Amino acid sequence: MRNVIFNSLAAGFLISIGGSVFLGCESKVVGAVLFTVALLTICKMKMYLFTGKIGFIAESFKKVDALHLVTGLLGNYVAATLFGLMIKYAVPTSAEKALSICEKKLTQAPLQTFILGIFCGALMYIAVKIYKENSISGIIYCVPVFILAGFEHSIADMFYFAAGGLFNAKYVLFLVLVILGNTVGGVIVPLFKRLAGADK
């Protein structure tokens, strides 16, 4: 459990770095590509990122996995929020951009947010699955795709809202919907694969 706690904090920190470089880039495309440094490092150093783990419960699930997922999510939240607040203080221009982004996110209908979370969750599973098969190509392509498509990543959103200093009831609902969407999206691909295999 200690391993999960500290690795989830580390992963939240890395996502904060990815979010920071995205906010600091004038080009959205460049920012999306550079964001990949976060997931590449997380996978290489075996850190614990909720969105990178949740999909694998569809492949094999143990009771301890549920506890680890909850603990990991909380660790990711604490780190992403803490470092987001630090960026808010240290880089005012990024804070302004983050606030603008987050205010726009809160104009989405709840179902829109949930659906955008689903698509991001699927891409995160694909990225990590391909990495586990000894290729970084999944990360190089999937991370920019979910950012440029406007899909919602729960841990990145934790960072953006903290960097923007936006905390209210709408934020709580938004985050819950993204987490649920990431969870559903994360298990879709492996679940479909299992169902397809059951017909053989």
N, C-alpha and C. Protein backbone atom coordinates (compact mmCIF):
# COMPACT_ATOMS: atom_id res chain seq x y z
N MET A 1 0.82 -1.21 0.00
CA MET A 1 0.00 0.00 0.00
C MET A 1 0.86 1.27 0.00
N ARG A 2 1.95 1.22 0.75
CA ARG A 2 2.86 2.38 0.77
C ARG A 2 3.39 2.67 -0.63
N ASN A 3 3.67 1.61 -1.37
CA ASN A 3 4.15 1.74 -2.73
C ASN A 3 3.13 2.47 -3.60
N VAL A 4 1.86 2.12 -3.45
CA VAL A 4 0.79 2.75 -4.23
C VAL A 4 0.67 4.23 -3.86
N ILE A 5 0.73 4.53 -2.58
CA ILE A 5 0.58 5.91 -2.11
C ILE A 5 1.63 6.82 -2.72
N PHE A 6 2.89 6.44 -2.58
CA PHE A 6 3.96 7.31 -3.06
C PHE A 6 4.07 7.33 -4.58
N ASN A 7 3.78 6.21 -5.22
CA ASN A 7 3.80 6.20 -6.68
C ASN A 7 2.64 6.97 -7.27
N SER A 8 1.50 7.02 -6.57
CA SER A 8 0.36 7.80 -7.06
C SER A 8 0.63 9.29 -6.88
N LEU A 9 1.32 9.66 -5.80
CA LEU A 9 1.70 11.06 -5.61
C LEU A 9 2.68 11.49 -6.70
N ALA A 10 3.63 10.60 -7.01
CA ALA A 10 4.61 10.89 -8.06
C ALA A 10 3.93 11.04 -9.42
N ALA A 11 2.95 10.19 -9.69
CA ALA A 11 2.23 10.26 -10.96
C ALA A 11 1.45 11.57 -11.07
N GLY A 12 0.83 11.97 -9.96
CA GLY A 12 0.11 13.25 -9.96
C GLY A 12 1.03 14.42 -10.23
N PHE A 13 2.25 14.33 -9.71
CA PHE A 13 3.25 15.36 -9.95
C PHE A 13 3.63 15.40 -11.43
N LEU A 14 3.81 14.23 -12.05
CA LEU A 14 4.19 14.17 -13.46
C LEU A 14 3.07 14.71 -14.35
N ILE A 15 1.83 14.39 -14.02
CA ILE A 15 0.71 14.93 -14.80
C ILE A 15 0.68 16.45 -14.67
N SER A 16 1.05 16.95 -13.50
CA SER A 16 1.12 18.40 -13.30
C SER A 16 2.17 19.03 -14.20
N ILE A 17 3.28 18.33 -14.39
CA ILE A 17 4.32 18.83 -15.30
C ILE A 17 3.79 18.85 -16.73
N GLY A 18 3.11 17.77 -17.11
CA GLY A 18 2.52 17.72 -18.45
C GLY A 18 1.51 18.83 -18.65
N GLY A 19 0.67 19.05 -17.64
CA GLY A 19 -0.31 20.12 -17.73
C GLY A 19 0.33 21.49 -17.78
N SER A 20 1.42 21.66 -17.05
CA SER A 20 2.13 22.94 -17.02
C SER A 20 2.72 23.28 -18.38
N VAL A 21 3.32 22.29 -19.04
CA VAL A 21 3.91 22.57 -20.34
C VAL A 21 2.81 22.85 -21.36
N PHE A 22 1.66 22.19 -21.22
CA PHE A 22 0.55 22.45 -22.13
C PHE A 22 0.06 23.89 -21.96
N LEU A 23 -0.08 24.32 -20.72
CA LEU A 23 -0.52 25.69 -20.46
C LEU A 23 0.50 26.71 -20.93
N GLY A 24 1.78 26.34 -20.90
CA GLY A 24 2.83 27.27 -21.27
C GLY A 24 3.09 27.38 -22.76
N CYS A 25 2.47 26.51 -23.56
CA CYS A 25 2.69 26.54 -25.01
C CYS A 25 1.62 27.36 -25.72
N GLU A 26 2.05 28.21 -26.64
CA GLU A 26 1.09 28.97 -27.44
C GLU A 26 0.38 28.04 -28.42
N SER A 27 1.11 27.06 -28.92
CA SER A 27 0.53 26.10 -29.85
C SER A 27 -0.08 24.93 -29.08
N LYS A 28 -1.37 24.69 -29.30
CA LYS A 28 -2.04 23.58 -28.64
C LYS A 28 -1.47 22.24 -29.08
N VAL A 29 -1.08 22.15 -30.33
CA VAL A 29 -0.52 20.90 -30.86
C VAL A 29 0.82 20.59 -30.19
N VAL A 30 1.68 21.61 -30.10
CA VAL A 30 2.97 21.41 -29.45
C VAL A 30 2.78 21.02 -28.00
N GLY A 31 1.86 21.70 -27.32
CA GLY A 31 1.59 21.39 -25.91
C GLY A 31 1.08 19.98 -25.73
N ALA A 32 0.23 19.53 -26.66
CA ALA A 32 -0.33 18.17 -26.58
C ALA A 32 0.77 17.12 -26.76
N VAL A 33 1.68 17.38 -27.69
CA VAL A 33 2.78 16.44 -27.93
C VAL A 33 3.73 16.39 -26.73
N LEU A 34 4.07 17.55 -26.19
CA LEU A 34 4.99 17.60 -25.06
C LEU A 34 4.38 17.02 -23.79
N PHE A 35 3.07 17.01 -23.70
CA PHE A 35 2.39 16.42 -22.54
C PHE A 35 2.76 14.96 -22.39
N THR A 36 3.14 14.31 -23.48
CA THR A 36 3.46 12.88 -23.43
C THR A 36 4.60 12.56 -22.47
N VAL A 37 5.44 13.58 -22.14
CA VAL A 37 6.54 13.33 -21.21
C VAL A 37 6.01 12.79 -19.88
N ALA A 38 4.79 13.20 -19.52
CA ALA A 38 4.21 12.75 -18.26
C ALA A 38 3.93 11.24 -18.28
N LEU A 39 3.16 10.78 -19.25
CA LEU A 39 2.80 9.36 -19.28
C LEU A 39 4.00 8.48 -19.61
N LEU A 40 4.91 8.96 -20.44
CA LEU A 40 6.11 8.19 -20.75
C LEU A 40 6.91 7.92 -19.47
N THR A 41 7.07 8.95 -18.65
CA THR A 41 7.83 8.80 -17.40
C THR A 41 7.07 7.93 -16.40
N ILE A 42 5.77 8.14 -16.31
CA ILE A 42 4.95 7.35 -15.39
C ILE A 42 5.05 5.85 -15.72
N CYS A 43 4.95 5.52 -17.00
CA CYS A 43 5.03 4.11 -17.40
C CYS A 43 6.43 3.56 -17.20
N LYS A 44 7.43 4.32 -17.59
CA LYS A 44 8.82 3.86 -17.51
C LYS A 44 9.22 3.63 -16.05
N MET A 45 8.80 4.52 -15.15
CA MET A 45 9.19 4.42 -13.74
C MET A 45 8.17 3.68 -12.89
N LYS A 46 7.13 3.12 -13.56
CA LYS A 46 6.12 2.30 -12.89
C LYS A 46 5.40 3.06 -11.77
N MET A 47 5.03 4.28 -12.07
CA MET A 47 4.24 5.07 -11.11
C MET A 47 2.77 4.67 -11.22
N TYR A 48 1.96 5.14 -10.27
CA TYR A 48 0.57 4.69 -10.21
C TYR A 48 -0.38 5.81 -10.64
N LEU A 49 -0.87 5.70 -11.87
CA LEU A 49 -1.84 6.66 -12.39
C LEU A 49 -3.18 5.97 -12.55
N PHE A 50 -4.20 6.50 -11.91
CA PHE A 50 -5.52 5.89 -11.93
C PHE A 50 -6.00 5.58 -13.34
N THR A 51 -5.88 6.55 -14.24
CA THR A 51 -6.38 6.36 -15.60
C THR A 51 -5.54 5.36 -16.40
N GLY A 52 -4.35 5.07 -15.94
CA GLY A 52 -3.52 4.07 -16.60
C GLY A 52 -3.70 2.67 -16.03
N LYS A 53 -4.42 2.58 -14.91
CA LYS A 53 -4.62 1.30 -14.23
C LYS A 53 -6.05 0.76 -14.34
N ILE A 54 -7.02 1.67 -14.38
CA ILE A 54 -8.43 1.26 -14.25
C ILE A 54 -8.87 0.26 -15.32
N GLY A 55 -8.39 0.43 -16.55
CA GLY A 55 -8.83 -0.46 -17.62
C GLY A 55 -8.44 -1.91 -17.43
N PHE A 56 -7.37 -2.14 -16.69
CA PHE A 56 -6.84 -3.50 -16.54
C PHE A 56 -7.65 -4.36 -15.57
N ILE A 57 -8.60 -3.74 -14.85
CA ILE A 57 -9.47 -4.55 -13.99
C ILE A 57 -10.39 -5.42 -14.83
N ALA A 58 -10.57 -5.05 -16.10
CA ALA A 58 -11.40 -5.85 -16.99
C ALA A 58 -10.65 -7.09 -17.47
N GLU A 59 -9.33 -7.09 -17.34
CA GLU A 59 -8.53 -8.24 -17.73
C GLU A 59 -8.39 -9.23 -16.58
N SER A 60 -8.18 -8.69 -15.38
CA SER A 60 -8.12 -9.53 -14.18
C SER A 60 -8.40 -8.64 -12.98
N PHE A 61 -9.23 -9.10 -12.08
CA PHE A 61 -9.62 -8.27 -10.95
C PHE A 61 -9.52 -9.04 -9.63
N LYS A 62 -8.88 -8.39 -8.66
CA LYS A 62 -8.81 -8.92 -7.31
C LYS A 62 -9.31 -7.85 -6.36
N LYS A 63 -9.77 -8.25 -5.18
CA LYS A 63 -10.32 -7.28 -4.23
C LYS A 63 -9.31 -6.19 -3.89
N VAL A 64 -8.05 -6.56 -3.81
CA VAL A 64 -7.03 -5.58 -3.45
C VAL A 64 -6.87 -4.52 -4.54
N ASP A 65 -7.23 -4.88 -5.78
CA ASP A 65 -7.14 -3.91 -6.87
C ASP A 65 -8.05 -2.72 -6.63
N ALA A 66 -9.24 -2.98 -6.09
CA ALA A 66 -10.20 -1.90 -5.81
C ALA A 66 -9.63 -0.93 -4.78
N LEU A 67 -9.01 -1.47 -3.75
CA LEU A 67 -8.41 -0.64 -2.71
C LEU A 67 -7.25 0.18 -3.29
N HIS A 68 -6.45 -0.45 -4.12
CA HIS A 68 -5.33 0.25 -4.74
C HIS A 68 -5.81 1.36 -5.66
N LEU A 69 -6.89 1.10 -6.41
CA LEU A 69 -7.42 2.11 -7.32
C LEU A 69 -7.92 3.34 -6.57
N VAL A 70 -8.64 3.11 -5.48
CA VAL A 70 -9.15 4.22 -4.67
C VAL A 70 -7.99 5.00 -4.05
N THR A 71 -7.02 4.26 -3.50
CA THR A 71 -5.85 4.90 -2.90
C THR A 71 -5.05 5.67 -3.94
N GLY A 72 -4.87 5.06 -5.10
CA GLY A 72 -4.14 5.71 -6.18
C GLY A 72 -4.83 6.97 -6.67
N LEU A 73 -6.15 6.91 -6.79
CA LEU A 73 -6.91 8.07 -7.22
C LEU A 73 -6.77 9.22 -6.23
N LEU A 74 -6.84 8.90 -4.96
CA LEU A 74 -6.69 9.93 -3.93
C LEU A 74 -5.28 10.53 -3.96
N GLY A 75 -4.27 9.67 -4.14
CA GLY A 75 -2.89 10.15 -4.24
C GLY A 75 -2.70 11.05 -5.44
N ASN A 76 -3.27 10.64 -6.57
CA ASN A 76 -3.21 11.46 -7.79
C ASN A 76 -3.87 12.82 -7.55
N TYR A 77 -5.02 12.80 -6.86
CA TYR A 77 -5.76 14.04 -6.59
C TYR A 77 -4.96 15.00 -5.71
N VAL A 78 -4.41 14.46 -4.64
CA VAL A 78 -3.64 15.29 -3.71
C VAL A 78 -2.46 15.96 -4.43
N ALA A 79 -1.70 15.18 -5.18
CA ALA A 79 -0.53 15.72 -5.85
C ALA A 79 -0.90 16.70 -6.96
N ALA A 80 -1.86 16.31 -7.81
CA ALA A 80 -2.25 17.19 -8.92
C ALA A 80 -2.82 18.51 -8.41
N THR A 81 -3.57 18.45 -7.33
CA THR A 81 -4.15 19.66 -6.75
C THR A 81 -3.08 20.53 -6.09
N LEU A 82 -2.21 19.90 -5.33
CA LEU A 82 -1.14 20.64 -4.65
C LEU A 82 -0.23 21.33 -5.65
N PHE A 83 0.22 20.60 -6.65
CA PHE A 83 1.14 21.19 -7.62
C PHE A 83 0.42 22.17 -8.55
N GLY A 84 -0.87 21.96 -8.74
CA GLY A 84 -1.66 22.93 -9.50
C GLY A 84 -1.70 24.27 -8.77
N LEU A 85 -1.91 24.22 -7.47
CA LEU A 85 -1.92 25.44 -6.67
C LEU A 85 -0.56 26.12 -6.67
N MET A 86 0.50 25.32 -6.70
CA MET A 86 1.84 25.89 -6.76
C MET A 86 2.07 26.62 -8.08
N ILE A 87 1.59 26.04 -9.19
CA ILE A 87 1.72 26.69 -10.50
C ILE A 87 0.87 27.96 -10.53
N LYS A 88 -0.29 27.91 -9.90
CA LYS A 88 -1.15 29.12 -9.84
C LYS A 88 -0.39 30.28 -9.22
N TYR A 89 0.37 30.00 -8.19
CA TYR A 89 1.14 31.03 -7.51
C TYR A 89 2.38 31.44 -8.30
N ALA A 90 3.08 30.45 -8.84
CA ALA A 90 4.38 30.70 -9.47
C ALA A 90 4.28 31.22 -10.91
N VAL A 91 3.24 30.81 -11.63
CA VAL A 91 3.12 31.20 -13.05
C VAL A 91 1.72 31.78 -13.30
N PRO A 92 1.52 33.05 -12.99
CA PRO A 92 0.20 33.69 -13.15
C PRO A 92 -0.40 33.58 -14.54
N THR A 93 0.44 33.63 -15.59
CA THR A 93 -0.09 33.53 -16.95
C THR A 93 -0.72 32.15 -17.20
N SER A 94 -0.08 31.11 -16.65
CA SER A 94 -0.64 29.77 -16.79
C SER A 94 -1.93 29.64 -15.98
N ALA A 95 -1.97 30.31 -14.84
CA ALA A 95 -3.17 30.28 -13.99
C ALA A 95 -4.35 30.91 -14.73
N GLU A 96 -4.10 32.00 -15.43
CA GLU A 96 -5.17 32.66 -16.19
C GLU A 96 -5.69 31.76 -17.31
N LYS A 97 -4.76 31.09 -18.00
CA LYS A 97 -5.15 30.20 -19.08
C LYS A 97 -5.92 29.00 -18.53
N ALA A 98 -5.46 28.46 -17.40
CA ALA A 98 -6.14 27.32 -16.79
C ALA A 98 -7.56 27.70 -16.38
N LEU A 99 -7.73 28.89 -15.82
CA LEU A 99 -9.06 29.34 -15.40
C LEU A 99 -9.99 29.44 -16.59
N SER A 100 -9.48 29.99 -17.69
CA SER A 100 -10.29 30.12 -18.90
C SER A 100 -10.72 28.75 -19.43
N ILE A 101 -9.78 27.82 -19.44
CA ILE A 101 -10.07 26.45 -19.91
C ILE A 101 -11.13 25.79 -19.04
N CYS A 102 -10.97 25.93 -17.72
CA CYS A 102 -11.87 25.26 -16.79
C CYS A 102 -13.27 25.87 -16.78
N GLU A 103 -13.35 27.17 -16.94
CA GLU A 103 -14.67 27.81 -17.02
C GLU A 103 -15.44 27.29 -18.22
N LYS A 104 -14.72 27.06 -19.32
CA LYS A 104 -15.35 26.52 -20.52
C LYS A 104 -15.79 25.08 -20.28
N LYS A 105 -14.99 24.31 -19.57
CA LYS A 105 -15.33 22.92 -19.28
C LYS A 105 -16.65 22.84 -18.50
N LEU A 106 -16.86 23.78 -17.60
CA LEU A 106 -18.05 23.75 -16.75
C LEU A 106 -19.32 24.15 -17.49
N THR A 107 -19.19 24.60 -18.74
CA THR A 107 -20.38 24.92 -19.53
C THR A 107 -20.93 23.67 -20.24
N GLN A 108 -20.16 22.59 -20.20
CA GLN A 108 -20.61 21.34 -20.82
C GLN A 108 -21.78 20.74 -20.05
N ALA A 109 -22.66 20.10 -20.78
CA ALA A 109 -23.74 19.35 -20.13
C ALA A 109 -23.12 18.13 -19.45
N PRO A 110 -23.70 17.66 -18.33
CA PRO A 110 -23.14 16.50 -17.63
C PRO A 110 -22.90 15.29 -18.53
N LEU A 111 -23.83 15.01 -19.42
CA LEU A 111 -23.67 13.86 -20.30
C LEU A 111 -22.49 14.05 -21.25
N GLN A 112 -22.29 15.29 -21.71
CA GLN A 112 -21.14 15.58 -22.57
C GLN A 112 -19.83 15.27 -21.83
N THR A 113 -19.74 15.73 -20.60
CA THR A 113 -18.54 15.50 -19.80
C THR A 113 -18.29 14.02 -19.61
N PHE A 114 -19.35 13.27 -19.31
CA PHE A 114 -19.23 11.82 -19.11
C PHE A 114 -18.73 11.13 -20.37
N ILE A 115 -19.29 11.51 -21.52
CA ILE A 115 -18.90 10.89 -22.79
C ILE A 115 -17.45 11.23 -23.14
N LEU A 116 -17.05 12.48 -22.93
CA LEU A 116 -15.67 12.88 -23.20
C LEU A 116 -14.70 12.13 -22.30
N GLY A 117 -15.16 11.81 -21.09
CA GLY A 117 -14.34 11.01 -20.17
C GLY A 117 -14.19 9.57 -20.66
N ILE A 118 -15.25 9.04 -21.25
CA ILE A 118 -15.22 7.67 -21.77
C ILE A 118 -14.15 7.53 -22.86
N PHE A 119 -14.15 8.45 -23.80
CA PHE A 119 -13.20 8.37 -24.91
C PHE A 119 -11.75 8.51 -24.42
N CYS A 120 -11.54 9.38 -23.45
CA CYS A 120 -10.18 9.53 -22.91
C CYS A 120 -9.75 8.26 -22.19
N GLY A 121 -10.66 7.67 -21.42
CA GLY A 121 -10.35 6.44 -20.69
C GLY A 121 -9.93 5.32 -21.62
N ALA A 122 -10.62 5.21 -22.75
CA ALA A 122 -10.28 4.17 -23.73
C ALA A 122 -8.88 4.41 -24.29
N LEU A 123 -8.57 5.66 -24.61
CA LEU A 123 -7.25 5.98 -25.16
C LEU A 123 -6.14 5.74 -24.15
N MET A 124 -6.41 6.02 -22.89
CA MET A 124 -5.41 5.79 -21.86
C MET A 124 -5.11 4.30 -21.71
N TYR A 125 -6.14 3.48 -21.76
CA TYR A 125 -5.93 2.03 -21.69
C TYR A 125 -5.08 1.57 -22.88
N ILE A 126 -5.44 2.04 -24.07
CA ILE A 126 -4.71 1.65 -25.28
C ILE A 126 -3.25 2.06 -25.19
N ALA A 127 -3.01 3.29 -24.72
CA ALA A 127 -1.64 3.80 -24.62
C ALA A 127 -0.78 2.93 -23.70
N VAL A 128 -1.32 2.61 -22.53
CA VAL A 128 -0.56 1.82 -21.56
C VAL A 128 -0.44 0.37 -22.03
N LYS A 129 -1.50 -0.17 -22.63
CA LYS A 129 -1.46 -1.55 -23.12
C LYS A 129 -0.37 -1.71 -24.17
N ILE A 130 -0.29 -0.76 -25.11
CA ILE A 130 0.74 -0.83 -26.14
C ILE A 130 2.13 -0.68 -25.52
N TYR A 131 2.25 0.20 -24.52
CA TYR A 131 3.54 0.38 -23.84
C TYR A 131 3.98 -0.93 -23.19
N LYS A 132 3.05 -1.63 -22.59
CA LYS A 132 3.37 -2.90 -21.93
C LYS A 132 3.84 -3.94 -22.95
N GLU A 133 3.51 -3.72 -24.20
CA GLU A 133 3.94 -4.63 -25.26
C GLU A 133 5.20 -4.09 -25.94
N ASN A 134 5.96 -3.27 -25.18
CA ASN A 134 7.27 -2.77 -25.58
C ASN A 134 7.26 -1.78 -26.74
N SER A 135 6.30 -0.86 -26.71
CA SER A 135 6.29 0.21 -27.71
C SER A 135 5.74 1.49 -27.08
N ILE A 136 6.43 2.60 -27.32
CA ILE A 136 5.96 3.88 -26.78
C ILE A 136 5.00 4.57 -27.76
N SER A 137 4.76 3.94 -28.90
CA SER A 137 3.93 4.56 -29.94
C SER A 137 2.52 4.87 -29.44
N GLY A 138 1.98 4.01 -28.59
CA GLY A 138 0.63 4.25 -28.06
C GLY A 138 0.56 5.56 -27.29
N ILE A 139 1.59 5.81 -26.48
CA ILE A 139 1.64 7.04 -25.70
C ILE A 139 1.84 8.25 -26.61
N ILE A 140 2.77 8.12 -27.56
CA ILE A 140 3.09 9.23 -28.46
C ILE A 140 1.87 9.68 -29.25
N TYR A 141 0.99 8.73 -29.60
CA TYR A 141 -0.18 9.08 -30.39
C TYR A 141 -1.43 9.32 -29.53
N CYS A 142 -1.67 8.47 -28.55
CA CYS A 142 -2.93 8.55 -27.79
C CYS A 142 -3.05 9.80 -26.93
N VAL A 143 -1.95 10.24 -26.32
CA VAL A 143 -2.02 11.43 -25.46
C VAL A 143 -2.37 12.68 -26.27
N PRO A 144 -1.65 12.98 -27.36
CA PRO A 144 -2.05 14.14 -28.15
C PRO A 144 -3.46 14.01 -28.70
N VAL A 145 -3.87 12.81 -29.06
CA VAL A 145 -5.21 12.60 -29.61
C VAL A 145 -6.28 12.99 -28.58
N PHE A 146 -6.14 12.53 -27.33
CA PHE A 146 -7.20 12.85 -26.37
C PHE A 146 -7.21 14.35 -26.03
N ILE A 147 -6.04 14.98 -26.06
CA ILE A 147 -5.99 16.42 -25.77
C ILE A 147 -6.58 17.23 -26.91
N LEU A 148 -6.16 16.93 -28.13
CA LEU A 148 -6.62 17.70 -29.29
C LEU A 148 -8.09 17.44 -29.61
N ALA A 149 -8.57 16.26 -29.24
CA ALA A 149 -9.99 15.94 -29.46
C ALA A 149 -10.89 16.56 -28.39
N GLY A 150 -10.28 17.06 -27.32
CA GLY A 150 -11.08 17.66 -26.26
C GLY A 150 -11.65 16.67 -25.27
N PHE A 151 -11.09 15.45 -25.23
CA PHE A 151 -11.56 14.45 -24.28
C PHE A 151 -11.07 14.83 -22.87
N GLU A 152 -11.77 14.30 -21.86
CA GLU A 152 -11.49 14.70 -20.47
C GLU A 152 -10.69 13.65 -19.70
N HIS A 153 -9.57 14.09 -19.16
CA HIS A 153 -8.70 13.23 -18.34
C HIS A 153 -8.81 13.71 -16.90
N SER A 154 -9.31 12.86 -16.02
CA SER A 154 -9.62 13.27 -14.65
C SER A 154 -8.45 13.85 -13.88
N ILE A 155 -7.27 13.24 -13.98
CA ILE A 155 -6.13 13.71 -13.20
C ILE A 155 -5.61 15.03 -13.76
N ALA A 156 -5.56 15.15 -15.08
CA ALA A 156 -5.15 16.41 -15.69
C ALA A 156 -6.13 17.51 -15.30
N ASP A 157 -7.43 17.19 -15.28
CA ASP A 157 -8.43 18.18 -14.89
C ASP A 157 -8.25 18.62 -13.44
N MET A 158 -7.87 17.70 -12.58
CA MET A 158 -7.59 18.08 -11.19
C MET A 158 -6.52 19.16 -11.14
N PHE A 159 -5.49 18.98 -11.96
CA PHE A 159 -4.41 19.96 -12.02
C PHE A 159 -4.90 21.29 -12.58
N TYR A 160 -5.62 21.25 -13.70
CA TYR A 160 -6.07 22.48 -14.34
C TYR A 160 -6.98 23.31 -13.43
N PHE A 161 -7.89 22.65 -12.75
CA PHE A 161 -8.81 23.39 -11.87
C PHE A 161 -8.06 23.99 -10.68
N ALA A 162 -7.06 23.28 -10.17
CA ALA A 162 -6.27 23.83 -9.07
C ALA A 162 -5.43 25.00 -9.56
N ALA A 163 -4.83 24.85 -10.75
CA ALA A 163 -4.02 25.92 -11.32
C ALA A 163 -4.87 27.16 -11.60
N GLY A 164 -6.12 26.93 -11.95
CA GLY A 164 -7.03 28.04 -12.21
C GLY A 164 -7.69 28.58 -10.95
N GLY A 165 -7.53 27.86 -9.84
CA GLY A 165 -8.13 28.28 -8.58
C GLY A 165 -9.64 28.20 -8.60
N LEU A 166 -10.17 27.27 -9.36
CA LEU A 166 -11.62 27.14 -9.50
C LEU A 166 -12.13 25.92 -8.75
N PHE A 167 -12.73 26.15 -7.61
CA PHE A 167 -13.28 25.07 -6.79
C PHE A 167 -14.71 25.44 -6.39
N ASN A 168 -15.68 24.70 -6.89
CA ASN A 168 -17.07 24.92 -6.50
C ASN A 168 -17.86 23.64 -6.70
N ALA A 169 -19.15 23.69 -6.47
CA ALA A 169 -19.99 22.50 -6.57
C ALA A 169 -20.00 21.94 -7.99
N LYS A 170 -19.99 22.83 -8.98
CA LYS A 170 -19.97 22.37 -10.37
C LYS A 170 -18.69 21.60 -10.67
N TYR A 171 -17.59 22.03 -10.07
CA TYR A 171 -16.31 21.35 -10.26
C TYR A 171 -16.38 19.93 -9.70
N VAL A 172 -16.98 19.79 -8.53
CA VAL A 172 -17.08 18.46 -7.91
C VAL A 172 -17.87 17.52 -8.80
N LEU A 173 -19.03 17.98 -9.29
CA LEU A 173 -19.85 17.15 -10.18
C LEU A 173 -19.09 16.83 -11.46
N PHE A 174 -18.44 17.83 -12.02
CA PHE A 174 -17.66 17.65 -13.24
C PHE A 174 -16.61 16.56 -13.05
N LEU A 175 -15.87 16.65 -11.95
CA LEU A 175 -14.78 15.70 -11.71
C LEU A 175 -15.31 14.29 -11.51
N VAL A 176 -16.40 14.15 -10.79
CA VAL A 176 -17.01 12.83 -10.58
C VAL A 176 -17.41 12.22 -11.92
N LEU A 177 -18.00 13.02 -12.78
CA LEU A 177 -18.44 12.53 -14.09
C LEU A 177 -17.25 12.12 -14.96
N VAL A 178 -16.17 12.88 -14.88
CA VAL A 178 -14.97 12.52 -15.67
C VAL A 178 -14.36 11.22 -15.15
N ILE A 179 -14.29 11.09 -13.84
CA ILE A 179 -13.74 9.85 -13.25
C ILE A 179 -14.57 8.65 -13.67
N LEU A 180 -15.88 8.79 -13.62
CA LEU A 180 -16.77 7.70 -14.04
C LEU A 180 -16.60 7.41 -15.52
N GLY A 181 -16.49 8.47 -16.33
CA GLY A 181 -16.29 8.29 -17.76
C GLY A 181 -14.97 7.61 -18.07
N ASN A 182 -13.90 8.04 -17.41
CA ASN A 182 -12.59 7.40 -17.59
C ASN A 182 -12.64 5.93 -17.21
N THR A 183 -13.40 5.62 -16.16
CA THR A 183 -13.53 4.23 -15.71
C THR A 183 -14.24 3.38 -16.75
N VAL A 184 -15.37 3.88 -17.24
CA VAL A 184 -16.14 3.14 -18.26
C VAL A 184 -15.31 2.99 -19.53
N GLY A 185 -14.69 4.09 -19.96
CA GLY A 185 -13.88 4.03 -21.18
C GLY A 185 -12.69 3.11 -21.04
N GLY A 186 -12.10 3.08 -19.85
CA GLY A 186 -10.93 2.25 -19.63
C GLY A 186 -11.21 0.76 -19.76
N VAL A 187 -12.43 0.35 -19.42
CA VAL A 187 -12.74 -1.08 -19.45
C VAL A 187 -13.42 -1.52 -20.75
N ILE A 188 -13.80 -0.56 -21.60
CA ILE A 188 -14.54 -0.91 -22.81
C ILE A 188 -13.74 -1.82 -23.74
N VAL A 189 -12.53 -1.41 -24.09
CA VAL A 189 -11.74 -2.18 -25.05
C VAL A 189 -11.40 -3.58 -24.53
N PRO A 190 -10.84 -3.71 -23.31
CA PRO A 190 -10.54 -5.06 -22.81
C PRO A 190 -11.79 -5.91 -22.61
N LEU A 191 -12.90 -5.27 -22.25
CA LEU A 191 -14.15 -6.03 -22.06
C LEU A 191 -14.65 -6.57 -23.39
N PHE A 192 -14.62 -5.75 -24.41
CA PHE A 192 -15.03 -6.21 -25.74
C PHE A 192 -14.13 -7.34 -26.23
N LYS A 193 -12.83 -7.22 -25.94
CA LYS A 193 -11.89 -8.26 -26.35
C LYS A 193 -12.19 -9.58 -25.64
N ARG A 194 -12.56 -9.47 -24.36
CA ARG A 194 -12.89 -10.69 -23.59
C ARG A 194 -14.17 -11.33 -24.15
N LEU A 195 -15.15 -10.49 -24.47
CA LEU A 195 -16.40 -11.02 -25.01
C LEU A 195 -16.19 -11.65 -26.39
N ALA A 196 -15.31 -11.05 -27.17
CA ALA A 196 -15.01 -11.60 -28.48
C ALA A 196 -14.30 -12.96 -28.34
N GLY A 197 -13.42 -13.06 -27.35
CA GLY A 197 -12.70 -14.30 -27.12
C GLY A 197 -13.60 -15.39 -26.63
N ALA A 198 -14.68 -15.02 -25.93
CA ALA A 198 -15.60 -16.01 -25.39
C ALA A 198 -16.36 -16.74 -26.49
N ASP A 199 -16.41 -16.16 -27.68
CA ASP A 199 -17.13 -16.79 -28.79
C ASP A 199 -16.30 -17.80 -29.54
N LYS A 200 -14.99 -17.84 -29.24
CA LYS A 200 -14.11 -18.77 -29.97
C LYS A 200 -14.29 -20.19 -29.49
